[in-house]
Amino acid sequence: MIEAPSVSRELAGARRRLLRPLLSEAIAIASCDPLRTPPAPLPEESACLSPNAVEKRIREFAAGRAAAHQAMRALNLRPAPILVGPKRAPLWPAGLTGSISHCDSCALAAVAMTETFAGIGIDIEKDTPLSGDLWDSIANATEQGWMAAQPDPGRAGKLLFSAKEAAYKAQYAISGRFFGFSGMELTFEMSAGRFTACFTSDQPPFSGGDSLKGRFAIGSEVIITAVEIPRSELHP
């Protein structure tokens, strides 16, 4: 691969520091720079890549897996392959749950033991406005009203998009169900850096009206969102 310009160590560290308080300490986090040549994925992981994958996709895939492997080491575990499911979602090794997200210049991973956490979702996005022509596809009327009332509606839309991505990933680890952006309605506590994602319909084992709690941080040119679902909070 041709080496690409890297983000600075300071910026990479700042992004990890943004993510850290969004999740419990029992959840290990790590990052990797996809603009550099990341460590090679494990052979089983590389086999999941399409032979037609472009260099950008290869870098991001490798960086995400490298970050996840670092997080496993932080849990005192030997890195194990993270394969790809039929819907392209990561397949975590037995006993682990986690989430991987990346933008052009940063890959983040969060990993925890399933005996403590049933699901985790993280998302990182560039801190840029969401185009107005995408509002209808990601937000209902109530959410669009909230966006329009914010000082920068486009950036609020990007935050909403990211938070829905994180909440969706967290619940998918439990339900295994795919649904559109209308499947959850989000509300935000902007000053507290928190949000709530409420299911608008049944997604077993979740019922319509159930909610997930999340946190967000904005800085270092990115928006980062995170949702964790402790096993103790699942319905019996």
Protein backbone atom coordinates (compact mmCIF):
# COMPACT_ATOMS: atom_id res chain seq x y z
CA MET A 1 0.00 0.00 0.00
CA ILE A 2 1.08 3.61 -0.51
CA GLU A 3 1.53 5.33 2.85
CA ALA A 4 -1.05 8.07 3.38
CA PRO A 5 -0.62 11.17 5.56
CA SER A 6 -1.32 10.29 9.17
CA VAL A 7 -3.32 12.16 11.76
CA SER A 8 -1.16 13.48 14.56
CA ARG A 9 -0.63 11.42 17.71
CA GLU A 10 -2.16 14.30 19.66
CA LEU A 11 -5.35 14.21 17.59
CA ALA A 12 -5.62 10.43 17.82
CA GLY A 13 -5.16 10.61 21.57
CA ALA A 14 -7.75 13.35 21.87
CA ARG A 15 -10.31 11.20 20.09
CA ARG A 16 -9.67 8.26 22.41
CA ARG A 17 -10.10 10.61 25.34
CA LEU A 18 -13.44 11.75 23.92
CA LEU A 19 -14.68 8.16 23.80
CA ARG A 20 -13.37 6.99 27.18
CA PRO A 21 -15.92 8.73 29.48
CA LEU A 22 -18.80 7.70 27.24
CA LEU A 23 -18.46 4.05 28.30
CA SER A 24 -18.00 2.15 31.54
CA GLU A 25 -14.43 1.43 32.63
CA ALA A 26 -15.07 -2.33 32.25
CA ILE A 27 -15.33 -1.75 28.50
CA ALA A 28 -11.91 -1.66 26.83
CA ILE A 29 -11.37 0.89 24.06
CA ALA A 30 -8.63 1.40 21.48
CA SER A 31 -7.97 3.30 18.27
CA CYS A 32 -5.96 2.92 15.09
CA ASP A 33 -5.06 5.34 12.32
CA PRO A 34 -6.34 4.10 8.92
CA LEU A 35 -4.29 6.74 7.11
CA ARG A 36 -1.15 4.83 7.99
CA THR A 37 -0.62 1.20 7.01
CA PRO A 38 -2.42 -0.63 9.85
CA PRO A 39 -1.30 -4.02 11.18
CA ALA A 40 -2.50 -6.82 8.93
CA PRO A 41 -5.77 -8.48 9.98
CA LEU A 42 -5.67 -12.07 11.11
CA PRO A 43 -5.85 -14.51 8.17
CA GLU A 44 -9.44 -15.48 8.97
CA GLU A 45 -10.39 -11.79 8.94
CA SER A 46 -8.60 -11.04 5.67
CA ALA A 47 -10.58 -13.86 4.07
CA CYS A 48 -13.76 -11.86 4.79
CA LEU A 49 -12.68 -9.00 2.51
CA SER A 50 -13.93 -8.92 -1.04
CA PRO A 51 -11.14 -9.53 -3.58
CA ASN A 52 -12.38 -6.35 -5.25
CA ALA A 53 -12.08 -4.21 -2.11
CA VAL A 54 -10.49 -0.81 -2.77
CA GLU A 55 -7.49 0.40 -0.77
CA LYS A 56 -9.59 2.72 1.41
CA ARG A 57 -11.86 -0.17 2.43
CA ILE A 58 -8.87 -2.41 3.14
CA ARG A 59 -7.23 0.24 5.33
CA GLU A 60 -10.41 0.93 7.30
CA PHE A 61 -11.15 -2.77 7.78
CA ALA A 62 -7.59 -3.45 8.96
CA ALA A 63 -7.57 -0.43 11.28
CA GLY A 64 -10.88 -1.42 12.86
CA ARG A 65 -9.69 -4.97 13.50
CA ALA A 66 -6.36 -3.70 14.84
CA ALA A 67 -8.18 -1.43 17.29
CA ALA A 68 -10.42 -4.30 18.39
CA HIS A 69 -7.39 -6.54 18.91
CA GLN A 70 -5.79 -3.83 21.07
CA ALA A 71 -8.97 -3.67 23.14
CA MET A 72 -8.90 -7.45 23.60
CA ARG A 73 -5.34 -7.20 24.89
CA ALA A 74 -6.50 -4.54 27.36
CA LEU A 75 -8.88 -7.18 28.71
CA ASN A 76 -5.90 -9.53 29.07
CA LEU A 77 -7.16 -11.65 26.18
CA ARG A 78 -5.31 -12.93 23.16
CA PRO A 79 -6.65 -11.31 19.96
CA ALA A 80 -9.12 -13.57 18.20
CA PRO A 81 -10.62 -13.27 14.71
CA ILE A 82 -13.61 -10.97 14.24
CA LEU A 83 -15.38 -12.33 11.20
CA VAL A 84 -18.15 -10.74 9.15
CA GLY A 85 -21.79 -11.78 9.35
CA PRO A 86 -24.22 -12.14 6.43
CA LYS A 87 -25.29 -8.50 6.88
CA ARG A 88 -21.67 -7.29 7.22
CA ALA A 89 -21.89 -6.84 11.00
CA PRO A 90 -18.86 -8.02 13.01
CA LEU A 91 -19.10 -11.52 14.51
CA TRP A 92 -17.45 -11.31 17.91
CA PRO A 93 -15.60 -14.24 19.46
CA ALA A 94 -17.49 -16.28 22.07
CA GLY A 95 -17.71 -14.47 25.38
CA LEU A 96 -17.15 -11.01 23.86
CA THR A 97 -19.30 -8.22 22.56
CA GLY A 98 -18.12 -5.03 20.98
CA SER A 99 -18.41 -2.36 18.35
CA ILE A 100 -16.15 -0.90 15.67
CA SER A 101 -16.53 2.44 13.92
CA HIS A 102 -14.34 4.53 11.68
CA CYS A 103 -14.17 7.72 9.70
CA ASP A 104 -11.49 8.62 7.15
CA SER A 105 -8.88 9.41 9.81
CA CYS A 106 -9.77 7.30 12.85
CA ALA A 107 -10.91 3.80 13.72
CA LEU A 108 -12.30 3.12 17.19
CA ALA A 109 -13.22 -0.13 18.90
CA ALA A 110 -14.89 -1.01 22.19
CA VAL A 111 -14.90 -4.56 23.59
CA ALA A 112 -16.33 -6.13 26.75
CA MET A 113 -17.21 -9.48 28.25
CA THR A 114 -20.74 -10.69 27.52
CA GLU A 115 -21.18 -11.76 31.14
CA THR A 116 -21.27 -8.04 31.97
CA PHE A 117 -22.51 -6.31 28.81
CA ALA A 118 -25.07 -7.68 26.36
CA GLY A 119 -24.41 -5.07 23.69
CA ILE A 120 -22.23 -2.07 22.82
CA GLY A 121 -22.56 0.45 20.03
CA ILE A 122 -20.14 3.23 19.11
CA ASP A 123 -20.04 5.59 16.15
CA ILE A 124 -17.62 8.25 14.94
CA GLU A 125 -18.50 10.84 12.30
CA LYS A 126 -16.83 13.93 10.93
CA ASP A 127 -18.11 17.05 12.71
CA THR A 128 -19.73 18.46 9.59
CA PRO A 129 -23.37 19.32 8.85
CA LEU A 130 -25.74 16.66 7.59
CA SER A 131 -27.13 17.62 4.19
CA GLY A 132 -30.72 18.82 4.36
CA ASP A 133 -31.80 16.37 1.67
CA LEU A 134 -31.04 13.51 4.10
CA TRP A 135 -33.20 14.77 6.96
CA ASP A 136 -36.34 12.90 5.88
CA SER A 137 -34.46 9.62 5.63
CA ILE A 138 -32.98 9.68 9.13
CA ALA A 139 -35.40 11.72 11.26
CA ASN A 140 -39.13 11.81 11.96
CA ALA A 141 -41.12 15.04 12.31
CA THR A 142 -40.42 15.37 16.03
CA GLU A 143 -36.69 14.86 15.57
CA GLN A 144 -36.61 17.29 12.65
CA GLY A 145 -38.34 19.85 14.85
CA TRP A 146 -35.60 19.40 17.44
CA MET A 147 -32.91 19.73 14.78
CA ALA A 148 -34.43 22.91 13.39
CA ALA A 149 -34.47 24.44 16.88
CA GLN A 150 -30.73 23.92 17.41
CA PRO A 151 -28.16 26.68 16.73
CA ASP A 152 -26.69 24.59 13.89
CA PRO A 153 -29.42 22.26 12.53
CA GLY A 154 -27.07 20.47 10.12
CA ARG A 155 -24.62 19.52 12.84
CA ALA A 156 -27.52 18.49 15.07
CA GLY A 157 -28.62 16.21 12.25
CA LYS A 158 -25.16 14.62 12.09
CA LEU A 159 -25.31 14.05 15.86
CA LEU A 160 -28.75 12.45 15.50
CA PHE A 161 -27.48 10.21 12.70
CA SER A 162 -24.47 9.11 14.74
CA ALA A 163 -26.51 8.46 17.89
CA LYS A 164 -28.98 6.29 15.96
CA GLU A 165 -26.08 4.33 14.50
CA ALA A 166 -24.66 3.67 17.99
CA ALA A 167 -28.04 2.68 19.42
CA TYR A 168 -28.78 0.42 16.47
CA LYS A 169 -25.44 -1.39 16.82
CA ALA A 170 -25.97 -1.94 20.55
CA GLN A 171 -29.42 -3.44 20.15
CA TYR A 172 -28.39 -5.56 17.16
CA ALA A 173 -25.98 -7.49 19.35
CA ILE A 174 -29.05 -8.69 21.26
CA SER A 175 -31.94 -8.74 18.79
CA GLY A 176 -30.09 -9.55 15.57
CA ARG A 177 -32.77 -7.45 13.87
CA PHE A 178 -32.35 -4.89 11.11
CA PHE A 179 -34.71 -1.94 10.83
CA GLY A 180 -34.64 1.58 9.45
CA PHE A 181 -34.02 4.93 11.11
CA SER A 182 -37.73 5.15 11.94
CA GLY A 183 -37.36 2.22 14.35
CA MET A 184 -36.10 4.55 17.09
CA GLU A 185 -36.94 8.08 18.18
CA LEU A 186 -34.19 10.02 19.91
CA THR A 187 -34.22 12.81 22.47
CA PHE A 188 -31.16 14.70 23.67
CA GLU A 189 -29.89 16.39 26.82
CA MET A 190 -27.36 18.58 25.07
CA SER A 191 -25.81 20.16 28.15
CA ALA A 192 -25.28 16.73 29.74
CA GLY A 193 -23.98 15.03 26.59
CA ARG A 194 -26.67 12.35 26.82
CA PHE A 195 -29.43 10.93 24.64
CA THR A 196 -32.24 8.41 24.85
CA ALA A 197 -33.21 6.09 22.00
CA CYS A 198 -36.80 4.88 22.29
CA PHE A 199 -38.01 1.90 20.22
CA THR A 200 -41.04 2.87 18.14
CA SER A 201 -42.08 -0.75 17.55
CA ASP A 202 -41.40 -4.22 18.91
CA GLN A 203 -37.92 -5.57 18.07
CA PRO A 204 -37.80 -8.70 20.26
CA PRO A 205 -36.62 -8.95 22.93
CA PHE A 206 -37.21 -5.18 22.97
CA SER A 207 -40.75 -3.83 23.01
CA GLY A 208 -42.07 -0.60 21.59
CA GLY A 209 -41.50 2.06 24.23
CA ASP A 210 -38.33 0.46 25.61
CA SER A 211 -35.36 2.80 25.58
CA LEU A 212 -31.58 2.76 25.52
CA LYS A 213 -29.37 5.40 27.13
CA GLY A 214 -26.41 6.88 25.29
CA ARG A 215 -23.73 9.52 25.57
CA PHE A 216 -21.99 11.76 23.06
CA ALA A 217 -18.97 14.00 22.73
CA ILE A 218 -18.01 16.56 20.11
CA GLY A 219 -14.45 17.76 19.55
CA SER A 220 -11.21 17.13 17.69
CA GLU A 221 -13.12 17.46 14.39
CA VAL A 222 -15.43 14.51 15.12
CA ILE A 223 -18.71 13.49 16.75
CA ILE A 224 -18.55 10.32 18.86
CA THR A 225 -21.59 8.52 20.27
CA ALA A 226 -21.84 5.44 22.45
CA VAL A 227 -24.50 3.13 23.90
CA GLU A 228 -23.91 0.27 26.33
CA ILE A 229 -26.46 -2.29 27.47
CA PRO A 230 -25.51 -3.95 30.77
CA ARG A 231 -26.68 -7.54 30.95
CA SER A 232 -28.34 -6.74 34.26
CA GLU A 233 -30.71 -4.31 32.50
CA LEU A 234 -32.12 -6.80 29.99
CA HIS A 235 -35.65 -8.06 30.45
CA PRO A 236 -35.70 -11.35 32.40
